[in-house]
């Protein structure tokens, strides 16, 4: 059953608004830290997804990124041209191709991950108490539970 803002508590509305704002700002900050090598947000998202989740078909990537297959094909063509991905036949279905990171794509993914993690760890170490860091970890567990809920 759909709920209108009147059906939820003020704390839920406030938490949802604050969470969206903070996550967006953190994402932009991490994006600023990374060497994007002039990649678009979609290209960066595809490299990140392949780096975290491994090989995928173009249709799986399109569904995961919520873009049309034609748009994903264009994104993959650019990444392929730049030598950041590789394609190989799907062993389960030879009509399909699986996309994976090339060594150059893996290097970009690893560099981005490392720079973001180092910055976050340093900020948490220098600016938060142990108790506050534990609170962040508890909040992450709650957010993970939120992500696991049905859409």
Protein backbone atom coordinates (compact mmCIF):
# COMPACT_ATOMS: atom_id res chain seq x y z
CA UNK A 1 0.00 0.00 0.00
CA UNK A 2 1.39 3.39 -0.97
CA UNK A 3 1.88 5.85 1.81
CA UNK A 4 1.61 9.56 1.53
CA UNK A 5 3.81 11.85 3.61
CA UNK A 6 0.91 12.19 6.05
CA UNK A 7 1.03 8.43 6.71
CA UNK A 8 4.62 8.41 7.97
CA UNK A 9 6.21 9.97 11.00
CA UNK A 10 8.02 13.29 10.82
CA UNK A 11 11.22 11.50 11.88
CA UNK A 12 10.93 9.16 8.87
CA UNK A 13 10.45 12.08 6.51
CA UNK A 14 13.35 13.98 8.07
CA UNK A 15 15.63 10.90 8.07
CA UNK A 16 14.88 10.20 4.41
CA UNK A 17 15.58 13.81 3.43
CA UNK A 18 18.82 13.98 5.45
CA UNK A 19 20.01 10.60 4.20
CA UNK A 20 19.51 11.53 0.55
CA UNK A 21 21.33 14.83 1.09
CA UNK A 22 24.28 13.34 2.94
CA UNK A 23 24.70 10.40 0.56
CA UNK A 24 24.60 12.75 -2.43
CA UNK A 25 27.18 15.07 -0.91
CA UNK A 26 29.47 12.19 0.07
CA UNK A 27 29.18 10.72 -3.42
CA UNK A 28 30.11 14.06 -5.00
CA UNK A 29 33.06 14.43 -2.63
CA UNK A 30 34.39 10.98 -3.49
CA UNK A 31 33.87 11.72 -7.16
CA UNK A 32 35.98 14.89 -6.79
CA UNK A 33 38.81 12.89 -5.20
CA UNK A 34 38.96 10.30 -7.95
CA UNK A 35 40.91 10.63 -11.16
CA UNK A 36 37.97 10.29 -13.51
CA UNK A 37 40.07 10.49 -16.67
CA UNK A 38 37.20 12.37 -18.27
CA UNK A 39 34.73 9.55 -17.77
CA UNK A 40 31.02 10.26 -17.67
CA UNK A 41 29.06 9.26 -14.56
CA UNK A 42 27.56 6.29 -16.47
CA UNK A 43 30.99 5.12 -17.66
CA UNK A 44 32.31 5.42 -14.13
CA UNK A 45 29.31 3.50 -12.76
CA UNK A 46 29.85 0.67 -15.27
CA UNK A 47 33.55 0.39 -14.38
CA UNK A 48 32.64 0.38 -10.71
CA UNK A 49 29.97 -2.29 -11.15
CA UNK A 50 32.31 -4.53 -13.16
CA UNK A 51 35.06 -3.99 -10.58
CA UNK A 52 32.82 -4.91 -7.66
CA UNK A 53 30.58 -7.58 -9.18
CA UNK A 54 32.65 -9.07 -12.00
CA UNK A 55 31.72 -10.02 -15.54
CA UNK A 56 28.30 -9.08 -16.87
CA UNK A 57 26.43 -8.98 -20.15
CA UNK A 58 25.47 -5.67 -21.74
CA UNK A 59 21.81 -6.34 -20.97
CA UNK A 60 22.60 -7.06 -17.31
CA UNK A 61 24.57 -3.82 -17.08
CA UNK A 62 21.75 -1.86 -18.74
CA UNK A 63 19.22 -3.27 -16.28
CA UNK A 64 21.49 -2.63 -13.28
CA UNK A 65 22.15 0.96 -14.33
CA UNK A 66 18.54 1.49 -15.40
CA UNK A 67 19.38 2.63 -18.91
CA UNK A 68 18.20 1.47 -22.32
CA UNK A 69 20.25 -1.29 -23.96
CA UNK A 70 21.15 1.13 -26.77
CA UNK A 71 22.56 3.61 -24.24
CA UNK A 72 24.59 0.87 -22.57
CA UNK A 73 25.91 -0.25 -25.96
CA UNK A 74 27.16 3.30 -26.59
CA UNK A 75 28.75 3.46 -23.12
CA UNK A 76 30.48 0.12 -23.63
CA UNK A 77 31.71 1.18 -27.07
CA UNK A 78 33.50 4.17 -25.54
CA UNK A 79 34.97 2.10 -22.72
CA UNK A 80 36.12 -0.50 -25.24
CA UNK A 81 37.67 2.16 -27.48
CA UNK A 82 39.58 3.50 -24.48
CA UNK A 83 40.82 0.00 -23.64
CA UNK A 84 39.04 -0.13 -20.28
CA UNK A 85 36.92 -3.24 -20.87
CA UNK A 86 37.25 -6.61 -22.58
CA UNK A 87 34.59 -8.77 -24.17
CA UNK A 88 34.46 -12.53 -24.52
CA UNK A 89 31.80 -15.08 -25.45
CA UNK A 90 29.53 -16.16 -22.63
CA UNK A 91 30.40 -19.81 -21.91
CA UNK A 92 26.71 -20.47 -21.07
CA UNK A 93 25.35 -18.83 -24.22
CA UNK A 94 27.71 -18.26 -27.14
CA UNK A 95 25.33 -15.70 -28.65
CA UNK A 96 26.03 -13.34 -25.76
CA UNK A 97 29.20 -11.58 -24.73
CA UNK A 98 30.46 -11.00 -21.23
CA UNK A 99 32.09 -7.69 -20.40
CA UNK A 100 34.92 -7.44 -17.88
CA UNK A 101 37.51 -4.89 -16.88
CA UNK A 102 40.73 -4.83 -18.87
CA UNK A 103 43.97 -4.39 -16.94
CA UNK A 104 43.72 -0.62 -17.60
CA UNK A 105 40.10 -0.58 -16.39
CA UNK A 106 41.05 -2.59 -13.30
CA UNK A 107 43.82 -0.08 -12.54
CA UNK A 108 41.36 2.83 -12.70
CA UNK A 109 38.86 0.96 -10.51
CA UNK A 110 41.52 0.06 -7.95
CA UNK A 111 42.93 3.62 -7.86
CA UNK A 112 39.46 5.12 -7.37
CA UNK A 113 38.60 2.64 -4.63
CA UNK A 114 41.88 3.17 -2.83
CA UNK A 115 41.78 6.97 -2.95
CA UNK A 116 38.21 7.08 -1.64
CA UNK A 117 38.89 4.57 1.11
CA UNK A 118 42.08 6.33 2.20
CA UNK A 119 40.33 9.71 2.37
CA UNK A 120 37.37 8.32 4.32
CA UNK A 121 39.56 6.40 6.76
CA UNK A 122 41.74 9.45 7.38
CA UNK A 123 38.72 11.70 7.96
CA UNK A 124 37.14 9.21 10.36
CA UNK A 125 40.42 8.74 12.23
CA UNK A 126 41.24 12.44 12.53
CA UNK A 127 37.79 13.91 13.14
CA UNK A 128 35.70 11.29 14.94
CA UNK A 129 36.00 9.54 18.29
CA UNK A 130 36.00 5.76 18.60
CA UNK A 131 32.44 5.96 19.89
CA UNK A 132 31.39 8.05 16.88
CA UNK A 133 33.06 5.59 14.49
CA UNK A 134 31.12 2.76 16.15
CA UNK A 135 27.92 4.77 15.66
CA UNK A 136 28.77 5.12 11.96
CA UNK A 137 29.25 1.34 11.74
CA UNK A 138 25.89 0.77 13.44
CA UNK A 139 24.24 3.20 11.02
CA UNK A 140 25.83 1.34 8.08
CA UNK A 141 24.28 -1.92 9.30
CA UNK A 142 20.88 -0.21 9.40
CA UNK A 143 21.37 1.23 5.91
CA UNK A 144 22.38 -2.19 4.61
CA UNK A 145 19.13 -3.58 6.07
CA UNK A 146 17.25 -0.77 4.30
CA UNK A 147 18.84 -1.67 0.98
CA UNK A 148 17.81 -5.32 1.39
CA UNK A 149 14.11 -4.44 1.75
CA UNK A 150 11.81 -5.00 -1.20
CA UNK A 151 11.43 -1.93 -3.45
